[in-house]
Amino acid sequence: MYDIKPTIKRPNGKTKAGRGFSPDELAQAGITYAQANQLGIPVDFRRKSAHENNIEVLKAHVAANKPEA
């Protein structure tokens, strides 16, 4: 498993690596906090924004690490 980091858009238009994904991003990707913790996905509860590219990264990460039944 690799370390994933969210990208955050600053007010000046530049992007930077964030500390963790927001709870809204997790919810829109269909991931609970327990699942995120199990997969090693960092969560930043201070963030309120949800960026579309971070949601896509989360969905791809979960699909790649989904255990086969």
Protein backbone atom coordinates (compact mmCIF):
# COMPACT_ATOMS: atom_id res chain seq x y z
CA MET A 1 0.00 0.00 0.00
CA TYR A 2 1.26 3.44 -0.81
CA ASP A 3 0.88 6.74 0.98
CA ILE A 4 -1.81 8.93 -0.54
CA LYS A 5 -2.10 12.65 0.12
CA PRO A 6 -4.88 15.02 -0.86
CA THR A 7 -4.25 18.15 -2.91
CA ILE A 8 -5.53 21.41 -1.52
CA LYS A 9 -6.20 24.48 -3.66
CA ARG A 10 -4.97 27.71 -2.09
CA PRO A 11 -6.77 31.04 -2.56
CA ASN A 12 -4.03 32.21 -4.97
CA GLY A 13 -4.82 29.26 -7.28
CA LYS A 14 -1.79 27.13 -6.44
CA THR A 15 -2.09 23.61 -5.06
CA LYS A 16 -0.29 21.96 -2.17
CA ALA A 17 -0.27 18.59 -0.44
CA GLY A 18 -2.72 18.47 2.44
CA ARG A 19 -2.56 16.71 5.80
CA GLY A 20 -5.56 14.49 5.16
CA PHE A 21 -8.85 14.09 3.35
CA SER A 22 -11.91 15.94 4.65
CA PRO A 23 -14.86 14.06 6.15
CA ASP A 24 -17.01 15.36 3.26
CA GLU A 25 -14.62 13.83 0.72
CA LEU A 26 -14.77 10.50 2.52
CA ALA A 27 -18.58 10.58 2.60
CA GLN A 28 -18.87 11.45 -1.10
CA ALA A 29 -16.47 8.61 -1.95
CA GLY A 30 -18.58 6.21 0.12
CA ILE A 31 -15.93 5.53 2.75
CA THR A 32 -16.49 5.49 6.50
CA TYR A 33 -13.91 6.72 8.98
CA ALA A 34 -13.31 3.13 10.14
CA GLN A 35 -12.60 2.01 6.56
CA ALA A 36 -10.26 4.97 6.03
CA ASN A 37 -8.40 4.09 9.22
CA GLN A 38 -8.11 0.46 8.14
CA LEU A 39 -6.77 1.43 4.69
CA GLY A 40 -4.32 3.96 6.13
CA ILE A 41 -6.05 6.98 4.58
CA PRO A 42 -5.28 10.18 6.51
CA VAL A 43 -8.30 12.23 7.64
CA ASP A 44 -8.19 15.92 8.56
CA PHE A 45 -11.30 16.81 10.55
CA ARG A 46 -10.49 20.53 10.41
CA ARG A 47 -11.08 20.65 6.65
CA LYS A 48 -14.59 21.47 5.45
CA SER A 49 -14.03 21.57 1.68
CA ALA A 50 -14.48 18.70 -0.75
CA HIS A 51 -12.40 18.71 -3.94
CA GLU A 52 -13.54 16.54 -6.84
CA ASN A 53 -10.03 15.31 -7.68
CA ASN A 54 -9.53 14.08 -4.09
CA ILE A 55 -12.80 12.14 -4.26
CA GLU A 56 -11.63 10.43 -7.45
CA VAL A 57 -8.29 9.57 -5.80
CA LEU A 58 -10.12 8.01 -2.86
CA LYS A 59 -12.40 5.95 -5.10
CA ALA A 60 -9.43 4.67 -7.12
CA HIS A 61 -7.46 3.84 -3.96
CA VAL A 62 -10.35 1.87 -2.45
CA ALA A 63 -10.95 0.01 -5.73
CA ALA A 64 -7.27 -0.92 -5.96
CA ASN A 65 -7.08 -2.13 -2.34
CA LYS A 66 -10.47 -3.85 -2.15
CA PRO A 67 -10.09 -7.42 -0.88
CA GLU A 68 -11.45 -10.04 -3.24
CA ALA A 69 -14.39 -11.98 -1.85
